[in-house]
PDB file of N, CA and C in Angstrom:
ATOM      1  N   MET A   1     -15.731  -5.440  34.829  1.00  0.00           N
ATOM      2  CA  MET A   1     -14.606  -6.562  34.405  1.00  0.00           C
ATOM      3  C   MET A   1     -13.750  -5.888  33.238  1.00  0.00           C
ATOM      4  N   LYS A   2     -12.624  -6.386  33.907  1.00  0.00           N
ATOM      5  CA  LYS A   2     -11.407  -5.270  33.296  1.00  0.00           C
ATOM      6  C   LYS A   2     -11.568  -6.413  31.731  1.00  0.00           C
ATOM      7  N   THR A   3     -10.641  -5.511  30.644  1.00  0.00           N
ATOM      8  CA  THR A   3     -10.897  -6.299  29.401  1.00  0.00           C
ATOM      9  C   THR A   3      -9.194  -5.893  29.404  1.00  0.00           C
ATOM     10  N   SER A   4      -8.667  -7.045  28.678  1.00  0.00           N
ATOM     11  CA  SER A   4      -7.083  -6.927  28.282  1.00  0.00           C
ATOM     12  C   SER A   4      -7.118  -5.998  27.389  1.00  0.00           C
ATOM     13  N   SER A   5      -5.938  -5.189  27.440  1.00  0.00           N
ATOM     14  CA  SER A   5      -5.116  -4.474  26.281  1.00  0.00           C
ATOM     15  C   SER A   5      -4.990  -5.164  24.902  1.00  0.00           C
ATOM     16  N   PHE A   6      -5.452  -4.506  24.011  1.00  0.00           N
ATOM     17  CA  PHE A   6      -5.520  -4.930  22.719  1.00  0.00           C
ATOM     18  C   PHE A   6      -3.788  -6.097  22.596  1.00  0.00           C
ATOM     19  N   GLN A   7      -2.782  -4.886  23.812  1.00  0.00           N
ATOM     20  CA  GLN A   7      -1.033  -6.084  23.292  1.00  0.00           C
ATOM     21  C   GLN A   7      -0.776  -7.204  23.602  1.00  0.00           C
ATOM     22  N   THR A   8      -1.826  -7.187  24.532  1.00  0.00           N
ATOM     23  CA  THR A   8      -2.128  -8.455  25.632  1.00  0.00           C
ATOM     24  C   THR A   8      -3.066  -9.441  25.085  1.00  0.00           C
ATOM     25  N   ARG A   9      -4.214  -8.704  24.425  1.00  0.00           N
ATOM     26  CA  ARG A   9      -4.827 -10.145  23.522  1.00  0.00           C
ATOM     27  C   ARG A   9      -4.280 -10.373  22.113  1.00  0.00           C
ATOM     28  N   VAL A  10      -3.298  -9.701  21.491  1.00  0.00           N
ATOM     29  CA  VAL A  10      -2.399 -10.162  20.213  1.00  0.00           C
ATOM     30  C   VAL A  10      -1.457 -10.898  20.788  1.00  0.00           C
ATOM     31  N   HIS A  11      -0.926 -11.139  22.056  1.00  0.00           N
ATOM     32  CA  HIS A  11       0.223 -11.878  22.877  1.00  0.00           C
ATOM     33  C   HIS A  11      -0.504 -13.589  22.550  1.00  0.00           C
ATOM     34  N   GLU A  12      -1.564 -13.124  23.125  1.00  0.00           N
ATOM     35  CA  GLU A  12      -2.325 -14.672  23.307  1.00  0.00           C
ATOM     36  C   GLU A  12      -2.620 -15.429  22.752  1.00  0.00           C
ATOM     37  N   TRP A  13      -2.735 -14.286  21.249  1.00  0.00           N
ATOM     38  CA  TRP A  13      -3.061 -14.694  20.047  1.00  0.00           C
ATOM     39  C   TRP A  13      -2.007 -15.191  19.154  1.00  0.00           C
ATOM     40  N   VAL A  14      -0.609 -14.735  19.234  1.00  0.00           N
ATOM     41  CA  VAL A  14       0.475 -14.932  18.949  1.00  0.00           C
ATOM     42  C   VAL A  14       0.734 -16.559  19.887  1.00  0.00           C
ATOM     43  N   VAL A  15       0.843 -16.857  21.008  1.00  0.00           N
ATOM     44  CA  VAL A  15       1.105 -17.977  22.038  1.00  0.00           C
ATOM     45  C   VAL A  15      -0.194 -18.677  21.580  1.00  0.00           C
ATOM     46  N   SER A  16      -0.944 -19.118  21.127  1.00  0.00           N
ATOM     47  CA  SER A  16      -1.930 -20.041  20.843  1.00  0.00           C
ATOM     48  C   SER A  16      -1.735 -20.466  19.775  1.00  0.00           C
ATOM     49  N   CYS A  17      -0.795 -19.554  18.149  1.00  0.00           N
ATOM     50  CA  CYS A  17      -1.084 -19.775  16.980  1.00  0.00           C
ATOM     51  C   CYS A  17       0.217 -20.560  16.473  1.00  0.00           C
ATOM     52  N   PHE A  18       1.479 -19.624  17.471  1.00  0.00           N
ATOM     53  CA  PHE A  18       3.065 -20.243  17.302  1.00  0.00           C
ATOM     54  C   PHE A  18       3.717 -20.456  17.986  1.00  0.00           C
ATOM     55  N   PRO A  19       4.566 -21.879  17.927  1.00  0.00           N
ATOM     56  CA  PRO A  19       5.434 -22.370  18.969  1.00  0.00           C
ATOM     57  C   PRO A  19       6.267 -21.471  18.988  1.00  0.00           C
ATOM     58  N   ARG A  20       6.966 -21.821  20.711  1.00  0.00           N
ATOM     59  CA  ARG A  20       7.884 -20.783  21.264  1.00  0.00           C
ATOM     60  C   ARG A  20       8.449 -19.873  20.090  1.00  0.00           C
ATOM     61  N   ALA A  21       9.400 -20.992  19.655  1.00  0.00           N
ATOM     62  CA  ALA A  21      10.743 -20.287  19.022  1.00  0.00           C
ATOM     63  C   ALA A  21      10.414 -19.296  18.047  1.00  0.00           C
ATOM     64  N   ALA A  22       9.030 -19.487  16.990  1.00  0.00           N
ATOM     65  CA  ALA A  22       8.723 -18.585  16.366  1.00  0.00           C
ATOM     66  C   ALA A  22       7.417 -16.596  16.920  1.00  0.00           C
ATOM     67  N   HIS A  23       6.747 -16.943  18.256  1.00  0.00           N
ATOM     68  CA  HIS A  23       6.469 -16.143  18.497  1.00  0.00           C
ATOM     69  C   HIS A  23       7.557 -15.635  19.323  1.00  0.00           C
ATOM     70  N   ARG A  24       8.758 -15.918  19.951  1.00  0.00           N
ATOM     71  CA  ARG A  24       9.668 -15.226  20.729  1.00  0.00           C
ATOM     72  C   ARG A  24      10.776 -14.603  19.901  1.00  0.00           C
ATOM     73  N   ASP A  25      10.636 -14.953  18.348  1.00  0.00           N
ATOM     74  CA  ASP A  25      11.712 -14.659  17.316  1.00  0.00           C
ATOM     75  C   ASP A  25      11.848 -13.497  17.034  1.00  0.00           C
ATOM     76  N   ARG A  26      12.970 -12.680  17.755  1.00  0.00           N
ATOM     77  CA  ARG A  26      12.640 -11.170  16.989  1.00  0.00           C
ATOM     78  C   ARG A  26      12.845 -10.290  16.050  1.00  0.00           C
ATOM     79  N   HIS A  27      13.831 -11.607  15.469  1.00  0.00           N
ATOM     80  CA  HIS A  27      13.439 -11.207  14.021  1.00  0.00           C
ATOM     81  C   HIS A  27      12.566 -11.867  13.006  1.00  0.00           C
ATOM     82  N   GLU A  28      12.274 -12.723  13.258  1.00  0.00           N
ATOM     83  CA  GLU A  28      10.497 -13.042  12.577  1.00  0.00           C
ATOM     84  C   GLU A  28       9.736 -12.205  12.635  1.00  0.00           C
ATOM     85  N   ARG A  29       9.746 -11.668  13.930  1.00  0.00           N
ATOM     86  CA  ARG A  29       8.617 -10.560  14.445  1.00  0.00           C
ATOM     87  C   ARG A  29       8.571  -9.411  13.634  1.00  0.00           C
ATOM     88  N   ALA A  30       9.923  -9.096  13.352  1.00  0.00           N
ATOM     89  CA  ALA A  30      10.153  -8.111  13.039  1.00  0.00           C
ATOM     90  C   ALA A  30      10.261  -7.664  11.106  1.00  0.00           C
ATOM     91  N   HIS A  31      10.628  -9.245  10.904  1.00  0.00           N
ATOM     92  CA  HIS A  31      10.558  -9.476   9.087  1.00  0.00           C
ATOM     93  C   HIS A  31       8.417  -9.250   9.127  1.00  0.00           C
ATOM     94  N   ARG A  32       8.299  -9.895   9.962  1.00  0.00           N
ATOM     95  CA  ARG A  32       6.222 -10.005   9.525  1.00  0.00           C
ATOM     96  C   ARG A  32       6.054  -8.071   9.715  1.00  0.00           C
ATOM     97  N   PHE A  33       6.304  -7.893  10.926  1.00  0.00           N
ATOM     98  CA  PHE A  33       6.329  -6.418  10.548  1.00  0.00           C
ATOM     99  C   PHE A  33       6.114  -5.485   9.796  1.00  0.00           C
ATOM    100  N   LEU A  34       7.410  -5.644   9.045  1.00  0.00           N
ATOM    101  CA  LEU A  34       8.198  -4.814   7.741  1.00  0.00           C
ATOM    102  C   LEU A  34       6.557  -5.214   6.652  1.00  0.00           C
ATOM    103  N   GLU A  35       6.728  -6.607   6.477  1.00  0.00           N
ATOM    104  CA  GLU A  35       5.861  -6.909   5.551  1.00  0.00           C
ATOM    105  C   GLU A  35       4.799  -6.334   5.222  1.00  0.00           C
ATOM    106  N   GLU A  36       3.923  -6.372   6.878  1.00  0.00           N
ATOM    107  CA  GLU A  36       2.691  -5.578   6.627  1.00  0.00           C
ATOM    108  C   GLU A  36       2.517  -4.228   6.447  1.00  0.00           C
ATOM    109  N   ALA A  37       4.011  -3.978   7.269  1.00  0.00           N
ATOM    110  CA  ALA A  37       3.713  -1.752   6.901  1.00  0.00           C
ATOM    111  C   ALA A  37       4.223  -1.836   5.561  1.00  0.00           C
ATOM    112  N   LEU A  38       5.149  -2.509   4.575  1.00  0.00           N
ATOM    113  CA  LEU A  38       5.220  -2.413   3.070  1.00  0.00           C
ATOM    114  C   LEU A  38       3.418  -2.994   2.683  1.00  0.00           C
ATOM    115  N   GLU A  39       2.841  -3.616   2.986  1.00  0.00           N
ATOM    116  CA  GLU A  39       1.758  -4.184   2.217  1.00  0.00           C
ATOM    117  C   GLU A  39       0.546  -3.074   2.301  1.00  0.00           C
ATOM    118  N   LEU A  40       0.340  -1.875   3.890  1.00  0.00           N
ATOM    119  CA  LEU A  40      -0.126  -0.632   3.799  1.00  0.00           C
ATOM    120  C   LEU A  40       0.209   0.820   2.824  1.00  0.00           C
ATOM    121  N   ALA A  41       1.673   0.353   3.205  1.00  0.00           N
ATOM    122  CA  ALA A  41       2.569   1.468   2.258  1.00  0.00           C
ATOM    123  C   ALA A  41       2.070   1.453   0.684  1.00  0.00           C
ATOM    124  N   GLN A  42       2.071   0.541   0.208  1.00  0.00           N
ATOM    125  CA  GLN A  42       1.813  -0.211  -0.874  1.00  0.00           C
ATOM    126  C   GLN A  42      -0.136   0.287  -1.335  1.00  0.00           C
ATOM    127  N   ALA A  43      -0.723  -0.434  -0.307  1.00  0.00           N
ATOM    128  CA  ALA A  43      -2.106  -0.311  -0.422  1.00  0.00           C
ATOM    129  C   ALA A  43      -2.473   1.092  -0.257  1.00  0.00           C
ATOM    130  N   SER A  44      -1.777   2.158  -0.052  1.00  0.00           N
ATOM    131  CA  SER A  44      -1.829   3.457   0.832  1.00  0.00           C
ATOM    132  C   SER A  44      -0.925   4.358  -1.013  1.00  0.00           C
ATOM    133  N   GLY A  45      -0.507   4.134  -1.371  1.00  0.00           N
ATOM    134  CA  GLY A  45      -0.267   4.352  -3.272  1.00  0.00           C
ATOM    135  C   GLY A  45       1.186   5.022  -2.921  1.00  0.00           C
ATOM    136  N   CYS A  46       1.757   4.100  -1.924  1.00  0.00           N
ATOM    137  CA  CYS A  46       3.421   4.042  -1.916  1.00  0.00           C
ATOM    138  C   CYS A  46       4.280   3.632  -3.019  1.00  0.00           C
ATOM    139  N   SER A  47       4.973   3.804  -3.716  1.00  0.00           N
ATOM    140  CA  SER A  47       5.590   2.943  -5.043  1.00  0.00           C
ATOM    141  C   SER A  47       7.084   2.281  -4.813  1.00  0.00           C
ATOM    142  N   ARG A  48       7.218   1.164  -5.270  1.00  0.00           N
ATOM    143  CA  ARG A  48       8.060   0.337  -5.020  1.00  0.00           C
ATOM    144  C   ARG A  48       9.342   1.183  -5.497  1.00  0.00           C
ATOM    145  N   GLU A  49       9.560   2.463  -5.854  1.00  0.00           N
ATOM    146  CA  GLU A  49      11.022   3.122  -5.862  1.00  0.00           C
ATOM    147  C   GLU A  49      11.135   3.975  -4.648  1.00  0.00           C
ATOM    148  N   ASP A  50       9.936   4.318  -4.123  1.00  0.00           N
ATOM    149  CA  ASP A  50       9.743   5.525  -2.686  1.00  0.00           C
ATOM    150  C   ASP A  50      10.369   4.163  -1.807  1.00  0.00           C
ATOM    151  N   ALA A  51       9.595   3.449  -1.671  1.00  0.00           N
ATOM    152  CA  ALA A  51       9.631   2.360  -0.554  1.00  0.00           C
ATOM    153  C   ALA A  51      11.733   1.738  -0.305  1.00  0.00           C
ATOM    154  N   LEU A  52      12.201   1.667  -1.434  1.00  0.00           N
ATOM    155  CA  LEU A  52      13.289   1.218  -1.605  1.00  0.00           C
ATOM    156  C   LEU A  52      14.421   2.623  -1.491  1.00  0.00           C
ATOM    157  N   ALA A  53      13.830   4.229  -2.130  1.00  0.00           N
ATOM    158  CA  ALA A  53      14.615   5.056  -1.432  1.00  0.00           C
ATOM    159  C   ALA A  53      14.686   5.408   0.146  1.00  0.00           C
ATOM    160  N   LEU A  54      13.730   5.432   0.669  1.00  0.00           N
ATOM    161  CA  LEU A  54      13.231   4.646   2.129  1.00  0.00           C
ATOM    162  C   LEU A  54      14.462   3.449   2.680  1.00  0.00           C
ATOM    163  N   VAL A  55      14.290   2.746   2.303  1.00  0.00           N
ATOM    164  CA  VAL A  55      14.621   1.436   2.554  1.00  0.00           C
ATOM    165  C   VAL A  55      16.450   2.116   2.939  1.00  0.00           C
ATOM    166  N   HIS A  56      16.967   2.118   1.459  1.00  0.00           N
ATOM    167  CA  HIS A  56      18.880   3.128   1.286  1.00  0.00           C
ATOM    168  C   HIS A  56      18.891   3.987   2.923  1.00  0.00           C
ATOM    169  N   TYR A  57      17.409   5.295   2.575  1.00  0.00           N
ATOM    170  CA  TYR A  57      17.711   5.963   3.763  1.00  0.00           C
ATOM    171  C   TYR A  57      17.760   5.939   5.454  1.00  0.00           C
ATOM    172  N   VAL A  58      16.874   4.743   5.357  1.00  0.00           N
ATOM    173  CA  VAL A  58      16.807   4.523   7.092  1.00  0.00           C
ATOM    174  C   VAL A  58      18.326   3.712   7.239  1.00  0.00           C
ATOM    175  N   PHE A  59      18.846   2.885   6.359  1.00  0.00           N
ATOM    176  CA  PHE A  59      20.031   1.865   6.771  1.00  0.00           C
ATOM    177  C   PHE A  59      21.439   2.689   6.803  1.00  0.00           C
ATOM    178  N   SER A  60      21.174   4.147   6.235  1.00  0.00           N
ATOM    179  CA  SER A  60      22.169   4.525   6.227  1.00  0.00           C
ATOM    180  C   SER A  60      22.200   5.445   7.377  1.00  0.00           C
ATOM    181  N   ARG A  61      21.990   5.234   8.011  1.00  0.00           N
ATOM    182  CA  ARG A  61      21.186   6.254   9.475  1.00  0.00           C
ATOM    183  C   ARG A  61      21.818   4.959  10.335  1.00  0.00           C
ATOM    184  N   GLU A  62      22.203   6.018  11.321  1.00  0.00           N
ATOM    185  CA  GLU A  62      22.510   5.564  13.077  1.00  0.00           C
ATOM    186  C   GLU A  62      21.229   4.038  13.119  1.00  0.00           C
ATOM    187  N   GLU A  63      21.215   2.886  13.929  1.00  0.00           N
ATOM    188  CA  GLU A  63      20.372   2.279  14.320  1.00  0.00           C
ATOM    189  C   GLU A  63      19.179   3.314  15.798  1.00  0.00           C
ATOM    190  N   GLY A  64      18.098   3.132  15.400  1.00  0.00           N
ATOM    191  CA  GLY A  64      17.779   3.717  16.654  1.00  0.00           C
ATOM    192  C   GLY A  64      17.610   3.163  17.616  1.00  0.00           C
ATOM    193  N   GLU A  65      16.891   3.307  19.024  1.00  0.00           N
ATOM    194  CA  GLU A  65      16.289   3.009  19.712  1.00  0.00           C
ATOM    195  C   GLU A  65      14.815   2.190  19.725  1.00  0.00           C
ATOM    196  N   ILE A  66      14.671   0.802  20.823  1.00  0.00           N
ATOM    197  CA  ILE A  66      13.912   0.617  20.234  1.00  0.00           C
ATOM    198  C   ILE A  66      12.158   1.561  20.502  1.00  0.00           C
ATOM    199  N   ALA A  67      12.631   1.594  22.036  1.00  0.00           N
ATOM    200  CA  ALA A  67      10.991   2.083  22.606  1.00  0.00           C
ATOM    201  C   ALA A  67      10.777   3.806  22.214  1.00  0.00           C
ATOM    202  N   GLN A  68      11.962   4.079  21.440  1.00  0.00           N
ATOM    203  CA  GLN A  68      11.241   5.402  20.446  1.00  0.00           C
ATOM    204  C   GLN A  68      11.153   5.334  18.864  1.00  0.00           C
ATOM    205  N   GLU A  69      11.574   4.025  18.189  1.00  0.00           N
ATOM    206  CA  GLU A  69      10.940   4.174  17.068  1.00  0.00           C
ATOM    207  C   GLU A  69       9.396   3.271  16.989  1.00  0.00           C
ATOM    208  N   THR A  70       9.431   2.632  18.486  1.00  0.00           N
ATOM    209  CA  THR A  70       7.674   1.929  18.816  1.00  0.00           C
ATOM    210  C   THR A  70       6.707   3.224  18.620  1.00  0.00           C
ATOM    211  N   GLY A  71       7.460   3.670  19.492  1.00  0.00           N
ATOM    212  CA  GLY A  71       6.084   4.843  19.608  1.00  0.00           C
ATOM    213  C   GLY A  71       5.774   5.857  18.408  1.00  0.00           C
ATOM    214  N   GLY A  72       7.022   6.012  17.248  1.00  0.00           N
ATOM    215  CA  GLY A  72       7.241   7.103  15.939  1.00  0.00           C
ATOM    216  C   GLY A  72       6.348   6.099  15.340  1.00  0.00           C
ATOM    217  N   VAL A  73       6.156   4.736  15.401  1.00  0.00           N
ATOM    218  CA  VAL A  73       5.574   3.957  14.610  1.00  0.00           C
ATOM    219  C   VAL A  73       3.880   3.924  14.454  1.00  0.00           C
ATOM    220  N   LEU A  74       3.817   4.104  15.992  1.00  0.00           N
ATOM    221  CA  LEU A  74       2.491   4.011  16.362  1.00  0.00           C
ATOM    222  C   LEU A  74       1.990   5.746  16.006  1.00  0.00           C
ATOM    223  N   VAL A  75       3.009   6.448  16.373  1.00  0.00           N
ATOM    224  CA  VAL A  75       2.734   7.598  15.905  1.00  0.00           C
ATOM    225  C   VAL A  75       2.050   7.535  14.159  1.00  0.00           C
ATOM    226  N   THR A  76       2.356   7.870  13.686  1.00  0.00           N
ATOM    227  CA  THR A  76       2.890   7.954  12.755  1.00  0.00           C
ATOM    228  C   THR A  76       1.733   7.066  11.683  1.00  0.00           C
ATOM    229  N   LEU A  77       1.525   5.804  12.723  1.00  0.00           N
ATOM    230  CA  LEU A  77       0.253   4.971  11.942  1.00  0.00           C
ATOM    231  C   LEU A  77      -0.960   5.729  11.956  1.00  0.00           C
ATOM    232  N   ALA A  78      -1.543   6.020  13.779  1.00  0.00           N
ATOM    233  CA  ALA A  78      -2.488   7.110  13.799  1.00  0.00           C
ATOM    234  C   ALA A  78      -2.909   8.217  12.858  1.00  0.00           C
ATOM    235  N   ALA A  79      -1.615   8.379  12.517  1.00  0.00           N
ATOM    236  CA  ALA A  79      -1.601   9.975  11.522  1.00  0.00           C
ATOM    237  C   ALA A  79      -2.002   9.529  10.219  1.00  0.00           C
ATOM    238  N   LEU A  80      -1.159   8.829   9.235  1.00  0.00           N
ATOM    239  CA  LEU A  80      -2.038   7.833   8.577  1.00  0.00           C
ATOM    240  C   LEU A  80      -3.405   6.995   8.274  1.00  0.00           C
ATOM    241  N   CYS A  81      -3.908   6.687   9.607  1.00  0.00           N
ATOM    242  CA  CYS A  81      -5.012   6.319   9.505  1.00  0.00           C
ATOM    243  C   CYS A  81      -6.233   7.517   9.511  1.00  0.00           C
ATOM    244  N   ASN A  82      -6.215   8.634  10.128  1.00  0.00           N
ATOM    245  CA  ASN A  82      -6.084  10.132  10.583  1.00  0.00           C
ATOM    246  C   ASN A  82      -6.571  10.133   9.033  1.00  0.00           C
ATOM    247  N   ALA A  83      -5.691  10.065   8.177  1.00  0.00           N
ATOM    248  CA  ALA A  83      -5.541  10.928   6.551  1.00  0.00           C
ATOM    249  C   ALA A  83      -6.472  10.079   5.862  1.00  0.00           C
ATOM    250  N   GLN A  84      -6.478   8.417   6.274  1.00  0.00           N
ATOM    251  CA  GLN A  84      -7.111   7.822   5.227  1.00  0.00           C
ATOM    252  C   GLN A  84      -8.483   7.422   5.572  1.00  0.00           C
ATOM    253  N   ASP A  85      -8.957   8.130   6.588  1.00  0.00           N
ATOM    254  CA  ASP A  85     -10.368   7.808   7.486  1.00  0.00           C
ATOM    255  C   ASP A  85     -10.732   6.470   8.064  1.00  0.00           C
ATOM    256  N   VAL A  86      -9.361   6.145   9.042  1.00  0.00           N
ATOM    257  CA  VAL A  86      -9.682   4.483   8.888  1.00  0.00           C
ATOM    258  C   VAL A  86      -9.440   4.487  10.600  1.00  0.00           C
ATOM    259  N   ASP A  87     -10.329   3.860  11.081  1.00  0.00           N
ATOM    260  CA  ASP A  87     -10.138   4.018  12.478  1.00  0.00           C
ATOM    261  C   ASP A  87      -8.987   2.769  12.997  1.00  0.00           C
ATOM    262  N   MET A  88      -8.461   3.062  13.420  1.00  0.00           N
ATOM    263  CA  MET A  88      -6.799   2.228  13.552  1.00  0.00           C
ATOM    264  C   MET A  88      -7.626   0.826  14.470  1.00  0.00           C
ATOM    265  N   ASP A  89      -8.173   1.205  15.857  1.00  0.00           N
ATOM    266  CA  ASP A  89      -8.705   0.419  16.881  1.00  0.00           C
ATOM    267  C   ASP A  89      -9.727  -0.524  15.948  1.00  0.00           C
ATOM    268  N   GLN A  90     -10.554   0.004  15.551  1.00  0.00           N
ATOM    269  CA  GLN A  90     -11.149  -1.163  15.001  1.00  0.00           C
ATOM    270  C   GLN A  90     -10.577  -1.956  13.953  1.00  0.00           C
ATOM    271  N   ALA A  91      -9.820  -1.125  13.147  1.00  0.00           N
ATOM    272  CA  ALA A  91      -9.321  -2.299  12.306  1.00  0.00           C
ATOM    273  C   ALA A  91      -8.412  -3.286  12.763  1.00  0.00           C
ATOM    274  N   GLY A  92      -7.526  -2.389  13.880  1.00  0.00           N
ATOM    275  CA  GLY A  92      -6.928  -4.086  14.922  1.00  0.00           C
ATOM    276  C   GLY A  92      -7.325  -4.981  15.568  1.00  0.00           C
ATOM    277  N   GLU A  93      -8.946  -4.492  16.056  1.00  0.00           N
ATOM    278  CA  GLU A  93      -9.879  -5.191  16.052  1.00  0.00           C
ATOM    279  C   GLU A  93     -10.304  -6.433  15.255  1.00  0.00           C
ATOM    280  N   THR A  94     -10.945  -6.263  13.969  1.00  0.00           N
ATOM    281  CA  THR A  94     -11.085  -6.709  13.029  1.00  0.00           C
ATOM    282  C   THR A  94     -10.432  -7.646  12.584  1.00  0.00           C
ATOM    283  N   GLU A  95      -8.622  -7.109  12.504  1.00  0.00           N
ATOM    284  CA  GLU A  95      -7.697  -8.011  11.284  1.00  0.00           C
ATOM    285  C   GLU A  95      -6.986  -9.449  13.423  1.00  0.00           C
ATOM    286  N   LEU A  96      -7.365  -8.927  14.489  1.00  0.00           N
ATOM    287  CA  LEU A  96      -7.333 -10.311  15.182  1.00  0.00           C
ATOM    288  C   LEU A  96      -8.365 -11.170  15.265  1.00  0.00           C
ATOM    289  N   LYS A  97      -8.975 -10.640  15.323  1.00  0.00           N
ATOM    290  CA  LYS A  97     -10.942 -11.812  15.170  1.00  0.00           C
ATOM    291  C   LYS A  97     -10.490 -12.579  14.315  1.00  0.00           C
ATOM    292  N   ARG A  98     -10.370 -11.998  12.558  1.00  0.00           N
ATOM    293  CA  ARG A  98      -9.768 -12.562  11.739  1.00  0.00           C
ATOM    294  C   ARG A  98      -8.819 -13.845  12.038  1.00  0.00           C
ATOM    295  N   ASN A  99      -7.524 -13.236  12.811  1.00  0.00           N
ATOM    296  CA  ASN A  99      -6.889 -14.068  12.636  1.00  0.00           C
ATOM    297  C   ASN A  99      -6.815 -15.286  13.675  1.00  0.00           C
ATOM    298  N   TRP A 100      -8.198 -15.156  14.691  1.00  0.00           N
ATOM    299  CA  TRP A 100      -8.065 -16.097  15.829  1.00  0.00           C
ATOM    300  C   TRP A 100      -9.076 -17.560  14.795  1.00  0.00           C
ATOM    301  N   SER A 101      -9.339 -17.090  13.616  1.00  0.00           N
ATOM    302  CA  SER A 101     -10.423 -17.682  12.756  1.00  0.00           C
ATOM    303  C   SER A 101      -9.220 -18.895  11.667  1.00  0.00           C
ATOM    304  N   ARG A 102      -8.272 -17.981  11.489  1.00  0.00           N
ATOM    305  CA  ARG A 102      -7.159 -18.330  10.739  1.00  0.00           C
ATOM    306  C   ARG A 102      -6.266 -19.377  11.271  1.00  0.00           C
ATOM    307  N   ILE A 103      -6.146 -19.911  12.006  1.00  0.00           N
ATOM    308  CA  ILE A 103      -5.264 -20.263  13.308  1.00  0.00           C
ATOM    309  C   ILE A 103      -4.149 -21.274  12.174  1.00  0.00           C
ATOM    310  N   GLU A 104      -4.927 -22.778  12.058  1.00  0.00           N
ATOM    311  CA  GLU A 104      -4.778 -23.977  11.159  1.00  0.00           C
ATOM    312  C   GLU A 104      -3.768 -23.397   9.924  1.00  0.00           C
ATOM    313  N   LYS A 105      -4.514 -22.283   9.512  1.00  0.00           N
ATOM    314  CA  LYS A 105      -3.908 -21.413   7.813  1.00  0.00           C
ATOM    315  C   LYS A 105      -2.381 -21.407   8.198  1.00  0.00           C
ATOM    316  N   ILE A 106      -2.016 -19.972   8.935  1.00  0.00           N
ATOM    317  CA  ILE A 106      -1.554 -19.799   9.584  1.00  0.00           C
ATOM    318  C   ILE A 106      -0.317 -20.711   9.635  1.00  0.00           C
ATOM    319  N   ARG A 107      -0.523 -21.404  10.658  1.00  0.00           N
ATOM    320  CA  ARG A 107       0.291 -22.437  11.158  1.00  0.00           C
ATOM    321  C   ARG A 107       0.718 -23.127   9.662  1.00  0.00           C
ATOM    322  N   ALA A 108       0.261 -23.553   8.975  1.00  0.00           N
ATOM    323  CA  ALA A 108       0.426 -24.169   7.662  1.00  0.00           C
ATOM    324  C   ALA A 108       1.464 -23.301   6.882  1.00  0.00           C
ATOM    325  N   LYS A 109       1.267 -22.012   7.010  1.00  0.00           N
ATOM    326  CA  LYS A 109       2.163 -21.533   6.118  1.00  0.00           C
ATOM    327  C   LYS A 109       3.199 -21.140   6.999  1.00  0.00           C
ATOM    328  N   GLN A 110       3.523 -21.091   8.006  1.00  0.00           N
ATOM    329  CA  GLN A 110       4.800 -20.858   9.020  1.00  0.00           C
ATOM    330  C   GLN A 110       5.148 -22.073   8.701  1.00  0.00           C
ATOM    331  N   ALA A 111       5.000 -23.221   8.530  1.00  0.00           N
ATOM    332  CA  ALA A 111       5.338 -24.466   8.618  1.00  0.00           C
ATOM    333  C   ALA A 111       6.190 -24.590   7.272  1.00  0.00           C
ATOM    334  N   ALA A 112       5.412 -24.548   6.420  1.00  0.00           N
ATOM    335  CA  ALA A 112       6.258 -24.385   5.017  1.00  0.00           C
ATOM    336  C   ALA A 112       7.214 -23.633   4.685  1.00  0.00           C
ATOM    337  N   LYS A 113       7.405 -22.621   5.278  1.00  0.00           N
ATOM    338  CA  LYS A 113       8.324 -21.350   4.980  1.00  0.00           C
ATOM    339  C   LYS A 113       9.712 -21.813   5.530  1.00  0.00           C
ATOM    340  N   PRO A 114      10.617 -21.526   4.472  1.00  0.00           N
ATOM    341  CA  PRO A 114      11.991 -21.587   5.213  1.00  0.00           C
ATOM    342  C   PRO A 114      12.282 -21.083   6.285  1.00  0.00           C
ATOM    343  N   HIS A 115      13.515 -21.681   7.134  1.00  0.00           N
ATOM    344  CA  HIS A 115      13.499 -21.488   8.425  1.00  0.00           C
ATOM    345  C   HIS A 115      14.863 -20.221   8.146  1.00  0.00           C
ATOM    346  N   GLY A 116      14.690 -19.042   8.809  1.00  0.00           N
ATOM    347  CA  GLY A 116      15.441 -17.875   8.890  1.00  0.00           C
ATOM    348  C   GLY A 116      15.115 -17.156   8.007  1.00  0.00           C
ATOM    349  N   SER A 117      14.263 -17.341   6.998  1.00  0.00           N
ATOM    350  CA  SER A 117      13.953 -16.473   5.952  1.00  0.00           C
ATOM    351  C   SER A 117      13.389 -15.319   6.232  1.00  0.00           C
ATOM    352  N   ALA A 118      13.546 -14.080   5.784  1.00  0.00           N
ATOM    353  CA  ALA A 118      13.070 -12.273   5.690  1.00  0.00           C
ATOM    354  C   ALA A 118      11.167 -13.367   5.061  1.00  0.00           C
ATOM    355  N   LEU A 119      11.495 -13.864   3.811  1.00  0.00           N
ATOM    356  CA  LEU A 119      10.576 -13.839   2.990  1.00  0.00           C
ATOM    357  C   LEU A 119       9.786 -14.621   4.055  1.00  0.00           C
ATOM    358  N   PRO A 120       8.156 -14.747   3.460  1.00  0.00           N
ATOM    359  CA  PRO A 120       7.146 -15.064   4.352  1.00  0.00           C
ATOM    360  C   PRO A 120       6.681 -16.708   3.296  1.00  0.00           C
ATOM    361  N   GLN A 121       7.566 -16.545   2.535  1.00  0.00           N
ATOM    362  CA  GLN A 121       6.896 -18.509   1.873  1.00  0.00           C
ATOM    363  C   GLN A 121       8.171 -18.800   1.480  1.00  0.00           C
TER     364      GLN A 121
END
């Protein structure tokens, strides 16, 4: 029996959880990714000042290419997980399983937030 990739299984969850307008919205997905990345950085000891300095640095440069930047995210996430003794694959599986159990709560949060806002609520 062939197991679906993690990305495919996340897609199945997103399609089950969100209306098409939300799960296909690139800005929404980018905002949620940035929120989670910032939460991970914060949990890893990154200060607000360092995060803001990095925001200014990144946005002062030319825009990158999506596929290459995606690869960079995956490589640096794996390196961060290694440095913190976190099993990246297991952490992803655990969170996906938790998300399946929270669909109604996530839908309610999505419905209550301002449309088009980067902020989650």
